Amino acid sequence: MRLNRNLGLWPMLPAMLAGGCVNVTAPDKPIVINLNISITQEVVYRLDNKAKTLIQENPGIF
């Protein structure tokens, strides 16, 4: 069997050579991942000059 260091088999080499068994168990406590996410949004708008003038001349339109 050819071992490659990139595969991460080196720690298991003694067990493999001895014919032993390697046990992998899940942790007793759940894995908790805390994510602090901040979402901000900016709304940028541009008014056409005609629309801007119309709103300024008629402030009660909206």
N, C-alpha and C. Protein backbone atom coordinates (compact mmCIF):
# COMPACT_ATOMS: atom_id res chain seq x y z
N MET A 1 0.85 -1.17 0.00
CA MET A 1 0.00 0.00 0.00
C MET A 1 0.90 1.23 0.00
N ARG A 2 0.66 2.12 -0.92
CA ARG A 2 1.46 3.34 -1.03
C ARG A 2 0.73 4.46 -0.27
N LEU A 3 1.41 5.11 0.67
CA LEU A 3 0.80 6.17 1.46
C LEU A 3 1.21 7.52 0.92
N ASN A 4 0.26 8.41 0.87
CA ASN A 4 0.50 9.76 0.41
C ASN A 4 0.28 10.70 1.58
N ARG A 5 1.20 11.59 1.83
CA ARG A 5 1.07 12.52 2.97
C ARG A 5 -0.15 13.41 2.82
N ASN A 6 -0.56 13.69 1.61
CA ASN A 6 -1.72 14.56 1.38
C ASN A 6 -3.03 13.90 1.81
N LEU A 7 -3.06 12.60 1.91
CA LEU A 7 -4.29 11.90 2.29
C LEU A 7 -4.49 11.84 3.80
N GLY A 8 -3.48 12.19 4.55
CA GLY A 8 -3.62 12.20 5.99
C GLY A 8 -3.64 10.81 6.61
N LEU A 9 -2.99 9.85 6.00
CA LEU A 9 -2.97 8.48 6.52
C LEU A 9 -1.84 8.22 7.49
N TRP A 10 -0.91 9.13 7.63
CA TRP A 10 0.24 8.91 8.50
C TRP A 10 -0.14 8.66 9.96
N PRO A 11 -1.10 9.34 10.54
CA PRO A 11 -1.44 9.03 11.94
C PRO A 11 -2.01 7.62 12.13
N MET A 12 -2.59 7.04 11.11
CA MET A 12 -3.19 5.70 11.21
C MET A 12 -2.21 4.59 10.85
N LEU A 13 -1.00 4.94 10.45
CA LEU A 13 -0.03 3.95 10.00
C LEU A 13 0.23 2.86 11.04
N PRO A 14 0.50 3.18 12.31
CA PRO A 14 0.77 2.10 13.28
C PRO A 14 -0.40 1.13 13.42
N ALA A 15 -1.63 1.63 13.42
CA ALA A 15 -2.80 0.75 13.55
C ALA A 15 -2.96 -0.13 12.32
N MET A 16 -2.67 0.42 11.15
CA MET A 16 -2.81 -0.36 9.92
C MET A 16 -1.74 -1.46 9.87
N LEU A 17 -0.51 -1.14 10.31
CA LEU A 17 0.55 -2.13 10.29
C LEU A 17 0.32 -3.22 11.33
N ALA A 18 -0.28 -2.87 12.45
CA ALA A 18 -0.53 -3.84 13.51
C ALA A 18 -1.80 -4.64 13.25
N GLY A 19 -2.55 -4.26 12.22
CA GLY A 19 -3.79 -4.98 11.93
C GLY A 19 -4.90 -4.60 12.88
N GLY A 20 -4.75 -3.47 13.55
CA GLY A 20 -5.75 -3.04 14.52
C GLY A 20 -6.92 -2.34 13.85
N CYS A 21 -7.74 -1.80 14.67
CA CYS A 21 -8.94 -1.12 14.20
C CYS A 21 -8.90 0.32 14.66
N VAL A 22 -9.32 1.21 13.79
CA VAL A 22 -9.39 2.63 14.13
C VAL A 22 -10.85 2.99 14.30
N ASN A 23 -11.21 3.47 15.49
CA ASN A 23 -12.59 3.86 15.77
C ASN A 23 -12.72 5.38 15.71
N VAL A 24 -13.73 5.83 15.02
CA VAL A 24 -14.04 7.25 14.96
C VAL A 24 -15.44 7.42 15.52
N THR A 25 -15.57 8.21 16.59
CA THR A 25 -16.88 8.40 17.21
C THR A 25 -17.27 9.87 17.15
N ALA A 26 -18.57 10.09 17.17
CA ALA A 26 -19.10 11.45 17.18
C ALA A 26 -18.95 12.03 18.58
N PRO A 27 -18.83 13.35 18.69
CA PRO A 27 -18.71 13.97 20.02
C PRO A 27 -20.02 13.83 20.81
N ASP A 28 -19.88 13.88 22.15
CA ASP A 28 -21.06 13.77 23.02
C ASP A 28 -21.95 15.00 22.93
N LYS A 29 -21.33 16.16 22.81
CA LYS A 29 -22.09 17.40 22.75
C LYS A 29 -22.29 17.81 21.29
N PRO A 30 -23.40 18.48 20.99
CA PRO A 30 -23.62 18.93 19.61
C PRO A 30 -22.61 20.00 19.22
N ILE A 31 -22.32 20.05 17.95
CA ILE A 31 -21.41 21.07 17.42
C ILE A 31 -22.21 22.36 17.25
N VAL A 32 -21.72 23.45 17.83
CA VAL A 32 -22.40 24.73 17.77
C VAL A 32 -21.58 25.68 16.91
N ILE A 33 -22.23 26.28 15.94
CA ILE A 33 -21.58 27.26 15.08
C ILE A 33 -22.30 28.58 15.26
N ASN A 34 -21.59 29.58 15.78
CA ASN A 34 -22.18 30.90 15.97
C ASN A 34 -21.83 31.77 14.78
N LEU A 35 -22.85 32.27 14.12
CA LEU A 35 -22.64 33.15 12.98
C LEU A 35 -23.23 34.52 13.29
N ASN A 36 -22.41 35.53 13.26
CA ASN A 36 -22.88 36.90 13.42
C ASN A 36 -22.91 37.52 12.03
N ILE A 37 -24.10 37.68 11.51
CA ILE A 37 -24.25 38.19 10.15
C ILE A 37 -24.97 39.52 10.21
N SER A 38 -24.41 40.49 9.56
CA SER A 38 -25.03 41.81 9.48
C SER A 38 -25.35 42.09 8.02
N ILE A 39 -26.61 42.33 7.76
CA ILE A 39 -27.05 42.62 6.39
C ILE A 39 -27.56 44.05 6.36
N THR A 40 -26.95 44.85 5.55
CA THR A 40 -27.40 46.23 5.38
C THR A 40 -27.76 46.45 3.92
N GLN A 41 -28.69 47.32 3.72
CA GLN A 41 -29.14 47.60 2.37
C GLN A 41 -29.25 49.10 2.20
N GLU A 42 -28.76 49.58 1.09
CA GLU A 42 -28.89 50.99 0.76
C GLU A 42 -29.76 51.10 -0.48
N VAL A 43 -30.68 52.02 -0.42
CA VAL A 43 -31.53 52.26 -1.57
C VAL A 43 -31.14 53.62 -2.13
N VAL A 44 -30.69 53.61 -3.36
CA VAL A 44 -30.28 54.84 -4.02
C VAL A 44 -31.26 55.09 -5.16
N TYR A 45 -31.80 56.30 -5.18
CA TYR A 45 -32.74 56.62 -6.25
C TYR A 45 -32.37 57.96 -6.85
N ARG A 46 -32.70 58.11 -8.12
CA ARG A 46 -32.46 59.35 -8.83
C ARG A 46 -33.76 59.76 -9.51
N LEU A 47 -34.11 61.02 -9.35
CA LEU A 47 -35.33 61.52 -9.97
C LEU A 47 -34.98 62.28 -11.24
N ASP A 48 -35.78 62.06 -12.23
CA ASP A 48 -35.65 62.83 -13.46
C ASP A 48 -35.94 64.29 -13.12
N ASN A 49 -35.30 65.20 -13.79
CA ASN A 49 -35.48 66.63 -13.49
C ASN A 49 -36.94 67.05 -13.62
N LYS A 50 -37.65 66.53 -14.61
CA LYS A 50 -39.06 66.90 -14.77
C LYS A 50 -39.88 66.41 -13.58
N ALA A 51 -39.62 65.19 -13.14
CA ALA A 51 -40.37 64.65 -12.01
C ALA A 51 -40.03 65.41 -10.73
N LYS A 52 -38.77 65.77 -10.58
CA LYS A 52 -38.35 66.51 -9.40
C LYS A 52 -39.03 67.88 -9.37
N THR A 53 -39.07 68.55 -10.51
CA THR A 53 -39.73 69.86 -10.60
C THR A 53 -41.22 69.72 -10.32
N LEU A 54 -41.85 68.70 -10.86
CA LEU A 54 -43.27 68.47 -10.65
C LEU A 54 -43.59 68.26 -9.17
N ILE A 55 -42.76 67.49 -8.47
CA ILE A 55 -42.98 67.25 -7.04
C ILE A 55 -42.78 68.54 -6.24
N GLN A 56 -41.79 69.35 -6.61
CA GLN A 56 -41.55 70.59 -5.90
C GLN A 56 -42.68 71.59 -6.13
N GLU A 57 -43.25 71.61 -7.33
CA GLU A 57 -44.36 72.52 -7.62
C GLU A 57 -45.66 72.05 -7.00
N ASN A 58 -45.83 70.77 -6.78
CA ASN A 58 -47.05 70.22 -6.20
C ASN A 58 -46.70 69.35 -4.99
N PRO A 59 -46.38 69.98 -3.85
CA PRO A 59 -45.95 69.19 -2.69
C PRO A 59 -47.03 68.26 -2.14
N GLY A 60 -48.29 68.51 -2.40
CA GLY A 60 -49.37 67.64 -1.89
C GLY A 60 -49.70 66.49 -2.81
N ILE A 61 -48.92 66.30 -3.87
CA ILE A 61 -49.23 65.25 -4.84
C ILE A 61 -49.08 63.85 -4.23
N PHE A 62 -48.20 63.73 -3.25
CA PHE A 62 -48.03 62.44 -2.58
C PHE A 62 -48.57 62.52 -1.20
